[in-house]
PDB file of N, CA and C in Angstrom:
ATOM      1  N   MET A   1       0.907  -1.235   0.019  1.00  0.00           N
ATOM      2  CA  MET A   1       0.010   0.023   0.055  1.00  0.00           C
ATOM      3  C   MET A   1       0.894   1.144   0.063  1.00  0.00           C
ATOM      4  N   SER A   2       0.643   2.130  -1.056  1.00  0.00           N
ATOM      5  CA  SER A   2       1.535   3.328  -1.095  1.00  0.00           C
ATOM      6  C   SER A   2       0.929   4.444  -0.092  1.00  0.00           C
ATOM      7  N   THR A   3       1.840   5.093   0.585  1.00  0.00           N
ATOM      8  CA  THR A   3       1.477   6.105   1.467  1.00  0.00           C
ATOM      9  C   THR A   3       2.291   7.412   1.062  1.00  0.00           C
ATOM     10  N   GLN A   4       1.595   8.472   0.939  1.00  0.00           N
ATOM     11  CA  GLN A   4       2.262   9.749   0.735  1.00  0.00           C
ATOM     12  C   GLN A   4       3.034  10.016   2.133  1.00  0.00           C
ATOM     13  N   PRO A   5       4.264  10.626   2.055  1.00  0.00           N
ATOM     14  CA  PRO A   5       4.925  10.928   3.225  1.00  0.00           C
ATOM     15  C   PRO A   5       4.240  11.706   4.347  1.00  0.00           C
ATOM     16  N   ASN A   6       3.416  12.721   3.967  1.00  0.00           N
ATOM     17  CA  ASN A   6       2.668  13.334   4.942  1.00  0.00           C
ATOM     18  C   ASN A   6       1.489  12.540   5.477  1.00  0.00           C
ATOM     19  N   GLN A   7       1.138  11.542   4.998  1.00  0.00           N
ATOM     20  CA  GLN A   7       0.151  10.465   5.503  1.00  0.00           C
ATOM     21  C   GLN A   7       0.751   9.710   6.458  1.00  0.00           C
ATOM     22  N   LEU A   8       1.914   9.382   6.506  1.00  0.00           N
ATOM     23  CA  LEU A   8       2.582   8.399   7.465  1.00  0.00           C
ATOM     24  C   LEU A   8       2.324   8.793   8.842  1.00  0.00           C
ATOM     25  N   PRO A   9       2.571  10.146   9.253  1.00  0.00           N
ATOM     26  CA  PRO A   9       2.450  10.383  10.641  1.00  0.00           C
ATOM     27  C   PRO A   9       0.972  10.383  11.012  1.00  0.00           C
ATOM     28  N   ASP A  10       0.128  10.775  10.161  1.00  0.00           N
ATOM     29  CA  ASP A  10      -1.368  10.706  10.502  1.00  0.00           C
ATOM     30  C   ASP A  10      -1.796   9.234  10.729  1.00  0.00           C
ATOM     31  N   ARG A  11      -1.359   8.311   9.912  1.00  0.00           N
ATOM     32  CA  ARG A  11      -1.598   6.971  10.065  1.00  0.00           C
ATOM     33  C   ARG A  11      -1.118   6.443  11.337  1.00  0.00           C
ATOM     34  N   LEU A  12       0.142   6.822  11.605  1.00  0.00           N
ATOM     35  CA  LEU A  12       0.831   6.361  12.835  1.00  0.00           C
ATOM     36  C   LEU A  12       0.015   6.925  14.125  1.00  0.00           C
ATOM     37  N   TRP A  13      -0.320   8.079  14.082  1.00  0.00           N
ATOM     38  CA  TRP A  13      -1.161   8.677  15.156  1.00  0.00           C
ATOM     39  C   TRP A  13      -2.503   7.946  15.386  1.00  0.00           C
ATOM     40  N   ALA A  14      -3.019   7.567  14.221  1.00  0.00           N
ATOM     41  CA  ALA A  14      -4.145   6.708  14.307  1.00  0.00           C
ATOM     42  C   ALA A  14      -4.068   5.460  14.898  1.00  0.00           C
ATOM     43  N   VAL A  15      -2.878   4.825  14.778  1.00  0.00           N
ATOM     44  CA  VAL A  15      -2.497   3.481  15.542  1.00  0.00           C
ATOM     45  C   VAL A  15      -2.511   3.869  16.967  1.00  0.00           C
ATOM     46  N   PHE A  16      -1.774   4.838  17.340  1.00  0.00           N
ATOM     47  CA  PHE A  16      -1.554   5.267  18.797  1.00  0.00           C
ATOM     48  C   PHE A  16      -2.874   5.407  19.293  1.00  0.00           C
ATOM     49  N   LYS A  17      -3.723   6.096  18.749  1.00  0.00           N
ATOM     50  CA  LYS A  17      -5.209   6.437  19.285  1.00  0.00           C
ATOM     51  C   LYS A  17      -5.915   5.113  19.444  1.00  0.00           C
ATOM     52  N   ARG A  18      -5.759   4.109  18.425  1.00  0.00           N
ATOM     53  CA  ARG A  18      -6.447   2.778  18.675  1.00  0.00           C
ATOM     54  C   ARG A  18      -5.860   2.086  19.870  1.00  0.00           C
ATOM     55  N   VAL A  19      -4.578   1.990  19.964  1.00  0.00           N
ATOM     56  CA  VAL A  19      -3.909   1.169  20.879  1.00  0.00           C
ATOM     57  C   VAL A  19      -4.174   1.887  22.431  1.00  0.00           C
ATOM     58  N   PHE A  20      -4.090   3.145  22.455  1.00  0.00           N
ATOM     59  CA  PHE A  20      -4.071   3.766  23.773  1.00  0.00           C
ATOM     60  C   PHE A  20      -5.385   4.401  24.115  1.00  0.00           C
ATOM     61  N   CYS A  21      -6.421   4.344  23.174  1.00  0.00           N
ATOM     62  CA  CYS A  21      -7.769   4.917  23.396  1.00  0.00           C
ATOM     63  C   CYS A  21      -7.676   6.252  23.935  1.00  0.00           C
ATOM     64  N   ARG A  22      -6.864   7.108  23.222  1.00  0.00           N
ATOM     65  CA  ARG A  22      -6.865   8.520  23.564  1.00  0.00           C
ATOM     66  C   ARG A  22      -6.493   9.401  22.371  1.00  0.00           C
ATOM     67  N   ILE A  23      -6.850  10.711  22.471  1.00  0.00           N
ATOM     68  CA  ILE A  23      -6.505  11.632  21.386  1.00  0.00           C
ATOM     69  C   ILE A  23      -5.210  12.158  21.772  1.00  0.00           C
ATOM     70  N   PHE A  24      -4.243  12.319  20.909  1.00  0.00           N
ATOM     71  CA  PHE A  24      -2.984  13.007  21.078  1.00  0.00           C
ATOM     72  C   PHE A  24      -2.918  14.377  20.457  1.00  0.00           C
ATOM     73  N   SER A  25      -2.234  15.253  21.160  1.00  0.00           N
ATOM     74  CA  SER A  25      -1.998  16.544  20.524  1.00  0.00           C
ATOM     75  C   SER A  25      -0.489  16.819  20.535  1.00  0.00           C
ATOM     76  N   GLY A  26      -0.056  17.544  19.627  1.00  0.00           N
ATOM     77  CA  GLY A  26       1.430  17.826  19.534  1.00  0.00           C
ATOM     78  C   GLY A  26       2.043  16.933  18.631  1.00  0.00           C
ATOM     79  N   ASP A  27       3.408  16.961  18.403  1.00  0.00           N
ATOM     80  CA  ASP A  27       4.088  16.146  17.320  1.00  0.00           C
ATOM     81  C   ASP A  27       4.834  15.082  17.963  1.00  0.00           C
ATOM     82  N   ASN A  28       4.854  14.800  19.283  1.00  0.00           N
ATOM     83  CA  ASN A  28       5.514  13.711  19.843  1.00  0.00           C
ATOM     84  C   ASN A  28       4.934  13.223  21.095  1.00  0.00           C
ATOM     85  N   VAL A  29       5.142  12.036  21.474  1.00  0.00           N
ATOM     86  CA  VAL A  29       4.784  11.546  22.848  1.00  0.00           C
ATOM     87  C   VAL A  29       5.804  10.427  23.190  1.00  0.00           C
ATOM     88  N   SER A  30       6.085  10.375  24.439  1.00  0.00           N
ATOM     89  CA  SER A  30       7.169   9.284  24.783  1.00  0.00           C
ATOM     90  C   SER A  30       6.664   8.397  25.814  1.00  0.00           C
ATOM     91  N   VAL A  31       7.337   7.327  26.074  1.00  0.00           N
ATOM     92  CA  VAL A  31       7.042   6.360  26.992  1.00  0.00           C
ATOM     93  C   VAL A  31       7.012   7.090  28.435  1.00  0.00           C
ATOM     94  N   ASP A  32       7.939   7.858  28.626  1.00  0.00           N
ATOM     95  CA  ASP A  32       7.994   8.680  29.958  1.00  0.00           C
ATOM     96  C   ASP A  32       6.880   9.507  30.295  1.00  0.00           C
ATOM     97  N   GLU A  33       6.192   9.863  29.218  1.00  0.00           N
ATOM     98  CA  GLU A  33       4.914  10.794  29.382  1.00  0.00           C
ATOM     99  C   GLU A  33       3.661   9.954  29.527  1.00  0.00           C
ATOM    100  N   MET A  34       3.692   8.712  29.314  1.00  0.00           N
ATOM    101  CA  MET A  34       2.398   7.946  29.222  1.00  0.00           C
ATOM    102  C   MET A  34       2.461   6.589  30.268  1.00  0.00           C
ATOM    103  N   GLU A  35       1.842   6.809  31.214  1.00  0.00           N
ATOM    104  CA  GLU A  35       1.889   5.684  32.190  1.00  0.00           C
ATOM    105  C   GLU A  35       1.274   4.376  31.538  1.00  0.00           C
ATOM    106  N   GLU A  36       0.313   4.566  30.596  1.00  0.00           N
ATOM    107  CA  GLU A  36      -0.276   3.337  30.057  1.00  0.00           C
ATOM    108  C   GLU A  36       0.660   2.697  29.019  1.00  0.00           C
ATOM    109  N   TRP A  37       1.646   3.438  28.613  1.00  0.00           N
ATOM    110  CA  TRP A  37       2.540   2.713  27.678  1.00  0.00           C
ATOM    111  C   TRP A  37       3.645   1.952  28.319  1.00  0.00           C
ATOM    112  N   ASP A  38       3.110   0.715  28.581  1.00  0.00           N
ATOM    113  CA  ASP A  38       4.033  -0.248  29.348  1.00  0.00           C
ATOM    114  C   ASP A  38       4.449  -1.459  28.367  1.00  0.00           C
ATOM    115  N   SER A  39       5.097  -2.404  28.857  1.00  0.00           N
ATOM    116  CA  SER A  39       5.587  -3.315  27.888  1.00  0.00           C
ATOM    117  C   SER A  39       4.395  -4.167  27.222  1.00  0.00           C
ATOM    118  N   LEU A  40       3.340  -4.501  27.832  1.00  0.00           N
ATOM    119  CA  LEU A  40       2.259  -5.181  27.078  1.00  0.00           C
ATOM    120  C   LEU A  40       1.702  -4.331  26.034  1.00  0.00           C
ATOM    121  N   SER A  41       1.360  -2.911  26.393  1.00  0.00           N
ATOM    122  CA  SER A  41       0.780  -2.036  25.342  1.00  0.00           C
ATOM    123  C   SER A  41       1.895  -1.838  24.265  1.00  0.00           C
ATOM    124  N   HIS A  42       3.047  -1.945  24.569  1.00  0.00           N
ATOM    125  CA  HIS A  42       4.030  -1.777  23.518  1.00  0.00           C
ATOM    126  C   HIS A  42       4.031  -2.893  22.417  1.00  0.00           C
ATOM    127  N   ILE A  43       3.744  -4.091  22.898  1.00  0.00           N
ATOM    128  CA  ILE A  43       3.585  -5.258  22.114  1.00  0.00           C
ATOM    129  C   ILE A  43       2.296  -5.052  21.186  1.00  0.00           C
ATOM    130  N   LYS A  44       1.298  -4.634  21.876  1.00  0.00           N
ATOM    131  CA  LYS A  44      -0.027  -4.365  21.039  1.00  0.00           C
ATOM    132  C   LYS A  44       0.233  -3.185  20.068  1.00  0.00           C
ATOM    133  N   LEU A  45       1.109  -2.148  20.414  1.00  0.00           N
ATOM    134  CA  LEU A  45       1.298  -1.097  19.522  1.00  0.00           C
ATOM    135  C   LEU A  45       2.098  -1.742  18.386  1.00  0.00           C
ATOM    136  N   VAL A  46       3.174  -2.453  18.501  1.00  0.00           N
ATOM    137  CA  VAL A  46       3.901  -3.055  17.387  1.00  0.00           C
ATOM    138  C   VAL A  46       3.056  -3.851  16.590  1.00  0.00           C
ATOM    139  N   MET A  47       2.215  -4.755  17.167  1.00  0.00           N
ATOM    140  CA  MET A  47       1.237  -5.584  16.329  1.00  0.00           C
ATOM    141  C   MET A  47       0.338  -4.793  15.466  1.00  0.00           C
ATOM    142  N   GLU A  48      -0.222  -3.672  15.956  1.00  0.00           N
ATOM    143  CA  GLU A  48      -1.024  -2.760  15.358  1.00  0.00           C
ATOM    144  C   GLU A  48      -0.289  -2.022  14.226  1.00  0.00           C
ATOM    145  N   ILE A  49       0.905  -1.640  14.441  1.00  0.00           N
ATOM    146  CA  ILE A  49       1.773  -1.029  13.400  1.00  0.00           C
ATOM    147  C   ILE A  49       1.994  -1.889  12.251  1.00  0.00           C
ATOM    148  N   GLU A  50       2.310  -3.225  12.611  1.00  0.00           N
ATOM    149  CA  GLU A  50       2.600  -4.272  11.548  1.00  0.00           C
ATOM    150  C   GLU A  50       1.348  -4.395  10.706  1.00  0.00           C
ATOM    151  N   ARG A  51       0.136  -4.403  11.277  1.00  0.00           N
ATOM    152  CA  ARG A  51      -1.147  -4.631  10.716  1.00  0.00           C
ATOM    153  C   ARG A  51      -1.457  -3.468   9.725  1.00  0.00           C
ATOM    154  N   GLU A  52      -1.291  -2.108  10.262  1.00  0.00           N
ATOM    155  CA  GLU A  52      -1.712  -0.940   9.596  1.00  0.00           C
ATOM    156  C   GLU A  52      -0.835  -0.782   8.364  1.00  0.00           C
ATOM    157  N   PHE A  53       0.562  -1.045   8.472  1.00  0.00           N
ATOM    158  CA  PHE A  53       1.466  -0.770   7.372  1.00  0.00           C
ATOM    159  C   PHE A  53       1.971  -2.052   6.584  1.00  0.00           C
ATOM    160  N   HIS A  54       1.188  -3.097   6.995  1.00  0.00           N
ATOM    161  CA  HIS A  54       1.544  -4.418   6.212  1.00  0.00           C
ATOM    162  C   HIS A  54       2.972  -4.609   6.157  1.00  0.00           C
ATOM    163  N   ILE A  55       3.590  -4.601   7.351  1.00  0.00           N
ATOM    164  CA  ILE A  55       5.049  -4.991   7.571  1.00  0.00           C
ATOM    165  C   ILE A  55       5.155  -5.972   8.642  1.00  0.00           C
ATOM    166  N   GLU A  56       6.424  -6.509   8.727  1.00  0.00           N
ATOM    167  CA  GLU A  56       6.830  -7.365   9.869  1.00  0.00           C
ATOM    168  C   GLU A  56       8.091  -6.716  10.434  1.00  0.00           C
ATOM    169  N   ILE A  57       8.030  -6.437  11.688  1.00  0.00           N
ATOM    170  CA  ILE A  57       9.088  -5.728  12.499  1.00  0.00           C
ATOM    171  C   ILE A  57       9.952  -6.854  13.045  1.00  0.00           C
ATOM    172  N   ASP A  58      11.185  -6.713  12.764  1.00  0.00           N
ATOM    173  CA  ASP A  58      12.107  -7.702  13.353  1.00  0.00           C
ATOM    174  C   ASP A  58      12.072  -7.640  14.795  1.00  0.00           C
ATOM    175  N   PRO A  59      11.907  -8.811  15.463  1.00  0.00           N
ATOM    176  CA  PRO A  59      11.881  -8.772  16.941  1.00  0.00           C
ATOM    177  C   PRO A  59      13.048  -8.112  17.509  1.00  0.00           C
ATOM    178  N   ASP A  60      14.188  -7.990  16.994  1.00  0.00           N
ATOM    179  CA  ASP A  60      15.482  -7.451  17.504  1.00  0.00           C
ATOM    180  C   ASP A  60      15.241  -5.847  17.558  1.00  0.00           C
ATOM    181  N   CYS A  61      14.300  -5.409  16.739  1.00  0.00           N
ATOM    182  CA  CYS A  61      14.055  -3.877  16.662  1.00  0.00           C
ATOM    183  C   CYS A  61      13.172  -3.447  17.688  1.00  0.00           C
ATOM    184  N   ILE A  62      12.301  -4.366  18.120  1.00  0.00           N
ATOM    185  CA  ILE A  62      11.146  -3.929  19.032  1.00  0.00           C
ATOM    186  C   ILE A  62      11.554  -3.201  20.220  1.00  0.00           C
ATOM    187  N   PRO A  63      12.625  -3.497  20.915  1.00  0.00           N
ATOM    188  CA  PRO A  63      13.075  -2.838  22.188  1.00  0.00           C
ATOM    189  C   PRO A  63      13.453  -1.392  21.853  1.00  0.00           C
ATOM    190  N   SER A  64      14.000  -1.129  20.683  1.00  0.00           N
ATOM    191  CA  SER A  64      14.416   0.181  20.409  1.00  0.00           C
ATOM    192  C   SER A  64      13.309   1.105  20.046  1.00  0.00           C
ATOM    193  N   LEU A  65      12.166   0.540  19.846  1.00  0.00           N
ATOM    194  CA  LEU A  65      10.917   1.252  19.427  1.00  0.00           C
ATOM    195  C   LEU A  65      10.205   1.738  20.759  1.00  0.00           C
ATOM    196  N   TYR A  66      10.617   1.210  21.806  1.00  0.00           N
ATOM    197  CA  TYR A  66       9.944   1.559  23.178  1.00  0.00           C
ATOM    198  C   TYR A  66      10.634   2.823  23.720  1.00  0.00           C
ATOM    199  N   SER A  67      10.229   3.831  22.961  1.00  0.00           N
ATOM    200  CA  SER A  67      10.814   5.166  23.194  1.00  0.00           C
ATOM    201  C   SER A  67       9.846   6.313  23.081  1.00  0.00           C
ATOM    202  N   ASP A  68       9.494   6.645  21.794  1.00  0.00           N
ATOM    203  CA  ASP A  68       8.491   7.758  21.492  1.00  0.00           C
ATOM    204  C   ASP A  68       8.032   7.617  20.078  1.00  0.00           C
ATOM    205  N   PHE A  69       7.080   8.455  19.705  1.00  0.00           N
ATOM    206  CA  PHE A  69       6.419   8.515  18.529  1.00  0.00           C
ATOM    207  C   PHE A  69       7.403   8.814  17.393  1.00  0.00           C
ATOM    208  N   SER A  70       8.202   9.769  17.663  1.00  0.00           N
ATOM    209  CA  SER A  70       9.138  10.263  16.598  1.00  0.00           C
ATOM    210  C   SER A  70      10.185   9.101  16.166  1.00  0.00           C
ATOM    211  N   THR A  71      10.567   8.349  17.205  1.00  0.00           N
ATOM    212  CA  THR A  71      11.469   7.209  16.947  1.00  0.00           C
ATOM    213  C   THR A  71      10.880   6.121  15.999  1.00  0.00           C
ATOM    214  N   ILE A  72       9.530   5.807  16.366  1.00  0.00           N
ATOM    215  CA  ILE A  72       8.781   4.938  15.634  1.00  0.00           C
ATOM    216  C   ILE A  72       8.547   5.403  14.191  1.00  0.00           C
ATOM    217  N   LEU A  73       8.181   6.747  13.997  1.00  0.00           N
ATOM    218  CA  LEU A  73       7.975   7.291  12.758  1.00  0.00           C
ATOM    219  C   LEU A  73       9.336   7.280  11.956  1.00  0.00           C
ATOM    220  N   ARG A  74      10.369   7.684  12.500  1.00  0.00           N
ATOM    221  CA  ARG A  74      11.746   7.373  11.815  1.00  0.00           C
ATOM    222  C   ARG A  74      12.005   6.081  11.416  1.00  0.00           C
ATOM    223  N   PHE A  75      11.746   5.159  12.196  1.00  0.00           N
ATOM    224  CA  PHE A  75      11.865   3.766  11.864  1.00  0.00           C
ATOM    225  C   PHE A  75      11.095   3.354  10.597  1.00  0.00           C
ATOM    226  N   LEU A  76       9.904   3.821  10.626  1.00  0.00           N
ATOM    227  CA  LEU A  76       8.940   3.460   9.434  1.00  0.00           C
ATOM    228  C   LEU A  76       9.547   4.103   8.226  1.00  0.00           C
ATOM    229  N   GLN A  77       9.876   5.454   8.230  1.00  0.00           N
ATOM    230  CA  GLN A  77      10.492   6.076   7.242  1.00  0.00           C
ATOM    231  C   GLN A  77      11.809   5.379   6.627  1.00  0.00           C
ATOM    232  N   ASP A  78      12.630   4.985   7.580  1.00  0.00           N
ATOM    233  CA  ASP A  78      13.879   4.376   7.229  1.00  0.00           C
ATOM    234  C   ASP A  78      13.568   3.022   6.660  1.00  0.00           C
ATOM    235  N   SER A  79      12.565   2.416   6.974  1.00  0.00           N
ATOM    236  CA  SER A  79      12.136   1.131   6.471  1.00  0.00           C
ATOM    237  C   SER A  79      11.418   1.246   5.139  1.00  0.00           C
ATOM    238  N   SER A  80      11.388   2.494   4.494  1.00  0.00           N
ATOM    239  CA  SER A  80      10.708   2.677   3.318  1.00  0.00           C
ATOM    240  C   SER A  80       9.327   2.375   3.224  1.00  0.00           C
ATOM    241  N   VAL A  81       8.553   2.511   4.452  1.00  0.00           N
ATOM    242  CA  VAL A  81       7.208   2.305   4.471  1.00  0.00           C
ATOM    243  C   VAL A  81       6.471   3.491   3.694  1.00  0.00           C
ATOM    244  N   GLY A  82       5.670   3.221   2.792  1.00  0.00           N
ATOM    245  CA  GLY A  82       5.013   4.222   2.040  1.00  0.00           C
ATOM    246  C   GLY A  82       5.623   4.554   0.716  1.00  0.00           C
ATOM    247  N   GLU A  83       6.675   3.909   0.382  1.00  0.00           N
ATOM    248  CA  GLU A  83       7.265   4.172  -0.855  1.00  0.00           C
ATOM    249  C   GLU A  83       6.563   3.408  -2.014  1.00  0.00           C
TER     250      GLU A  83
END
């Protein structure tokens, strides 16, 4: 599925909204700011990202994504999601 670069953040925010059941404002959110972003919800987040973007994330990469929205967005961009 082709995604325009400006759609990628919107789609990722939609994934965050589905997983965490809340609306986000701003351009970033981190694990440190969200009590509900724990190890279990992180796995749910990764699974939902894989489903949304039709990708498989290498299990070795999953811990490095337990950080913030911008890190995950950069990972998707670097993985050529949306090209």
